Structures are given as C-alpha cells and as structure tokens.
Amino acid sequence: MHYQYYNSNVLLIVNVTGQIRLLYTPFRVLCIAASGRIPLNTWVYVEEVWSDNQDKLQYVIFGQVYSYKFFQIPIKF
C-alpha cells in the first residue's frame, strides 16, 4: 500500500490495484514496533496526520509525533 499525506485530518491510501481510500482522524492503528510510550501490539488512535520537512509521514498520538513506520493500519478495500 502507498500512504499519502492529504491534510492533518485525512490520510489517502492507495492499494496495489490502484483503489483509493480516505481515512479521517481519529483512526485506529496497531503498533508493530515499540516506540516511546507505546508498547508493541498496542492499538492506538491517530489524532492528526503530519508531514515533516522531508515529506515523511508522521502520526500524532497522545500529543506526541511518531513515524508511520511503527504502525500498521488494518484496512480492507
């Protein structure tokens, strides 16, 4: 899947067949690598979606900024 920053309240997701889906905050993600205060295999809600200076996707969770790479989105098209 390809994730694209859309705005702070929406994440655009494109799957391998080109189908598009918009996720509006708050949306739920699964932690796949422990990071900061979030332990492995914990479900959390993304409050905001950000893009940093290098255009890398970031999530705001519990008021802290985390890389999207630490989380998995359970989504079906």
N, C-alpha and C. Protein backbone atom coordinates (compact mmCIF):
# COMPACT_ATOMS: atom_id res chain seq x y z
N MET A 1 0.83 -1.18 0.00
CA MET A 1 0.00 0.00 0.00
C MET A 1 0.87 1.24 0.00
N HIS A 2 0.35 2.29 -0.53
CA HIS A 2 1.04 3.57 -0.56
C HIS A 2 0.22 4.56 0.26
N TYR A 3 0.90 5.26 1.16
CA TYR A 3 0.24 6.24 2.02
C TYR A 3 0.64 7.63 1.56
N GLN A 4 -0.31 8.53 1.48
CA GLN A 4 -0.02 9.89 1.03
C GLN A 4 -0.65 10.89 1.98
N TYR A 5 0.16 11.85 2.40
CA TYR A 5 -0.35 12.93 3.25
C TYR A 5 -1.35 13.74 2.45
N TYR A 6 -2.51 13.98 3.00
CA TYR A 6 -3.55 14.74 2.32
C TYR A 6 -3.78 16.05 3.05
N ASN A 7 -4.11 15.97 4.31
CA ASN A 7 -4.15 17.12 5.22
C ASN A 7 -4.10 16.58 6.64
N SER A 8 -4.13 17.43 7.64
CA SER A 8 -3.92 16.97 9.01
C SER A 8 -5.03 16.07 9.55
N ASN A 9 -6.16 16.01 8.86
CA ASN A 9 -7.26 15.18 9.33
C ASN A 9 -7.62 14.04 8.39
N VAL A 10 -6.88 13.89 7.30
CA VAL A 10 -7.20 12.85 6.30
C VAL A 10 -5.92 12.20 5.80
N LEU A 11 -5.96 10.87 5.67
CA LEU A 11 -4.85 10.12 5.09
C LEU A 11 -5.38 9.40 3.84
N LEU A 12 -4.71 9.59 2.72
CA LEU A 12 -5.08 8.95 1.47
C LEU A 12 -4.28 7.66 1.33
N ILE A 13 -4.98 6.54 1.11
CA ILE A 13 -4.33 5.24 0.99
C ILE A 13 -4.67 4.65 -0.37
N VAL A 14 -3.63 4.18 -1.08
CA VAL A 14 -3.80 3.55 -2.39
C VAL A 14 -3.25 2.14 -2.29
N ASN A 15 -4.06 1.12 -2.65
CA ASN A 15 -3.57 -0.25 -2.59
C ASN A 15 -2.88 -0.62 -3.90
N VAL A 16 -2.38 -1.84 -4.01
CA VAL A 16 -1.59 -2.26 -5.17
C VAL A 16 -2.39 -2.31 -6.46
N THR A 17 -3.70 -2.40 -6.37
CA THR A 17 -4.54 -2.40 -7.58
C THR A 17 -5.01 -1.00 -7.96
N GLY A 18 -4.59 0.01 -7.19
CA GLY A 18 -4.95 1.39 -7.50
C GLY A 18 -6.22 1.90 -6.86
N GLN A 19 -6.84 1.10 -6.01
CA GLN A 19 -8.04 1.56 -5.31
C GLN A 19 -7.63 2.58 -4.25
N ILE A 20 -8.46 3.59 -4.10
CA ILE A 20 -8.16 4.69 -3.18
C ILE A 20 -9.15 4.69 -2.03
N ARG A 21 -8.64 4.97 -0.86
CA ARG A 21 -9.49 5.09 0.34
C ARG A 21 -8.99 6.26 1.17
N LEU A 22 -9.90 7.03 1.73
CA LEU A 22 -9.57 8.12 2.63
C LEU A 22 -9.89 7.70 4.05
N LEU A 23 -8.94 7.91 4.96
CA LEU A 23 -9.17 7.67 6.38
C LEU A 23 -9.20 9.02 7.09
N TYR A 24 -10.24 9.26 7.84
CA TYR A 24 -10.38 10.50 8.58
C TYR A 24 -10.00 10.27 10.04
N THR A 25 -9.31 11.24 10.63
CA THR A 25 -8.94 11.13 12.03
C THR A 25 -10.17 11.30 12.90
N PRO A 26 -10.18 10.63 14.04
CA PRO A 26 -9.19 9.68 14.53
C PRO A 26 -9.40 8.31 13.88
N PHE A 27 -8.32 7.65 13.49
CA PHE A 27 -8.39 6.28 13.01
C PHE A 27 -7.44 5.42 13.83
N ARG A 28 -7.74 4.13 13.89
CA ARG A 28 -7.02 3.21 14.76
C ARG A 28 -5.87 2.54 14.01
N VAL A 29 -4.73 2.39 14.69
CA VAL A 29 -3.56 1.72 14.14
C VAL A 29 -3.00 0.75 15.18
N LEU A 30 -2.25 -0.24 14.71
CA LEU A 30 -1.61 -1.22 15.57
C LEU A 30 -0.12 -0.94 15.61
N CYS A 31 0.45 -0.87 16.81
CA CYS A 31 1.89 -0.63 16.97
C CYS A 31 2.64 -1.92 16.62
N ILE A 32 3.52 -1.86 15.60
CA ILE A 32 4.28 -3.04 15.17
C ILE A 32 5.75 -2.97 15.59
N ALA A 33 6.14 -1.85 16.19
CA ALA A 33 7.49 -1.68 16.74
C ALA A 33 7.39 -0.70 17.90
N ALA A 34 7.76 -1.13 19.09
CA ALA A 34 7.64 -0.27 20.27
C ALA A 34 8.34 1.06 20.03
N SER A 35 7.65 2.12 20.42
CA SER A 35 8.20 3.46 20.20
C SER A 35 7.72 4.40 21.29
N GLY A 36 8.66 5.06 21.96
CA GLY A 36 8.28 6.00 23.01
C GLY A 36 7.44 5.32 24.08
N ARG A 37 6.25 5.86 24.32
CA ARG A 37 5.36 5.33 25.37
C ARG A 37 4.43 4.24 24.86
N ILE A 38 4.54 3.87 23.59
CA ILE A 38 3.60 2.91 23.02
C ILE A 38 4.27 1.54 22.89
N PRO A 39 3.79 0.55 23.65
CA PRO A 39 4.38 -0.79 23.56
C PRO A 39 3.93 -1.54 22.30
N LEU A 40 4.67 -2.55 21.95
CA LEU A 40 4.38 -3.41 20.81
C LEU A 40 2.99 -4.03 20.95
N ASN A 41 2.31 -4.20 19.83
CA ASN A 41 0.98 -4.83 19.74
C ASN A 41 -0.12 -4.07 20.48
N THR A 42 0.03 -2.76 20.60
CA THR A 42 -0.98 -1.92 21.24
C THR A 42 -1.78 -1.18 20.17
N TRP A 43 -3.09 -1.17 20.34
CA TRP A 43 -3.95 -0.41 19.44
C TRP A 43 -4.07 1.01 19.96
N VAL A 44 -3.87 2.00 19.10
CA VAL A 44 -3.98 3.42 19.47
C VAL A 44 -4.71 4.17 18.36
N TYR A 45 -5.14 5.38 18.68
CA TYR A 45 -5.81 6.23 17.70
C TYR A 45 -4.89 7.36 17.25
N VAL A 46 -4.86 7.58 15.95
CA VAL A 46 -4.11 8.69 15.37
C VAL A 46 -4.99 9.93 15.46
N GLU A 47 -4.47 10.96 16.13
CA GLU A 47 -5.22 12.20 16.33
C GLU A 47 -5.07 13.14 15.14
N GLU A 48 -3.87 13.17 14.57
CA GLU A 48 -3.56 14.04 13.43
C GLU A 48 -2.54 13.37 12.54
N VAL A 49 -2.52 13.77 11.28
CA VAL A 49 -1.53 13.29 10.33
C VAL A 49 -0.66 14.48 9.94
N TRP A 50 0.65 14.26 9.96
CA TRP A 50 1.60 15.33 9.62
C TRP A 50 2.55 14.87 8.54
N SER A 51 3.20 15.83 7.93
CA SER A 51 4.30 15.57 7.01
C SER A 51 5.46 16.43 7.47
N ASP A 52 6.65 15.83 7.67
CA ASP A 52 7.79 16.62 8.17
C ASP A 52 8.48 17.37 7.03
N ASN A 53 9.59 18.03 7.32
CA ASN A 53 10.30 18.84 6.33
C ASN A 53 10.80 18.03 5.15
N GLN A 54 11.03 16.74 5.35
CA GLN A 54 11.50 15.86 4.29
C GLN A 54 10.33 15.11 3.64
N ASP A 55 9.12 15.57 3.90
CA ASP A 55 7.89 15.00 3.35
C ASP A 55 7.66 13.55 3.79
N LYS A 56 8.10 13.20 5.01
CA LYS A 56 7.86 11.88 5.57
C LYS A 56 6.61 11.92 6.43
N LEU A 57 5.81 10.89 6.31
CA LEU A 57 4.54 10.81 7.02
C LEU A 57 4.75 10.61 8.51
N GLN A 58 4.01 11.35 9.32
CA GLN A 58 4.08 11.28 10.78
C GLN A 58 2.65 11.22 11.33
N TYR A 59 2.50 10.55 12.47
CA TYR A 59 1.22 10.50 13.17
C TYR A 59 1.35 11.20 14.51
N VAL A 60 0.31 11.90 14.92
CA VAL A 60 0.23 12.46 16.26
C VAL A 60 -0.65 11.53 17.09
N ILE A 61 -0.04 10.95 18.13
CA ILE A 61 -0.73 10.01 19.02
C ILE A 61 -0.41 10.42 20.45
N PHE A 62 -1.43 10.61 21.26
CA PHE A 62 -1.26 11.08 22.65
C PHE A 62 -0.46 12.39 22.68
N GLY A 63 -0.62 13.24 21.68
CA GLY A 63 0.06 14.53 21.62
C GLY A 63 1.52 14.45 21.22
N GLN A 64 2.04 13.26 20.92
CA GLN A 64 3.43 13.06 20.50
C GLN A 64 3.47 12.68 19.02
N VAL A 65 4.56 13.03 18.35
CA VAL A 65 4.72 12.73 16.92
C VAL A 65 5.52 11.44 16.76
N TYR A 66 5.00 10.51 15.94
CA TYR A 66 5.63 9.23 15.67
C TYR A 66 5.67 8.99 14.17
N SER A 67 6.68 8.26 13.70
CA SER A 67 6.75 7.87 12.30
C SER A 67 5.66 6.84 12.00
N TYR A 68 5.10 6.90 10.82
CA TYR A 68 4.08 5.94 10.42
C TYR A 68 4.63 4.52 10.36
N LYS A 69 5.95 4.38 10.22
CA LYS A 69 6.59 3.07 10.06
C LYS A 69 6.44 2.19 11.30
N PHE A 70 6.12 2.76 12.43
CA PHE A 70 5.94 2.00 13.66
C PHE A 70 4.54 1.40 13.80
N PHE A 71 3.67 1.68 12.82
CA PHE A 71 2.25 1.31 12.94
C PHE A 71 1.73 0.65 11.68
N GLN A 72 0.69 -0.16 11.86
CA GLN A 72 0.02 -0.83 10.76
C GLN A 72 -1.45 -0.42 10.79
N ILE A 73 -2.02 -0.18 9.61
CA ILE A 73 -3.42 0.20 9.50
C ILE A 73 -4.21 -1.01 9.05
N PRO A 74 -5.16 -1.47 9.85
CA PRO A 74 -5.99 -2.61 9.45
C PRO A 74 -7.11 -2.12 8.52
N ILE A 75 -6.89 -2.20 7.24
CA ILE A 75 -7.85 -1.66 6.28
C ILE A 75 -8.13 -2.68 5.17
N LYS A 76 -9.38 -2.71 4.75
CA LYS A 76 -9.78 -3.57 3.64
C LYS A 76 -10.44 -2.70 2.58
N PHE A 77 -10.20 -3.05 1.35
CA PHE A 77 -10.78 -2.28 0.24
C PHE A 77 -11.96 -3.00 -0.35
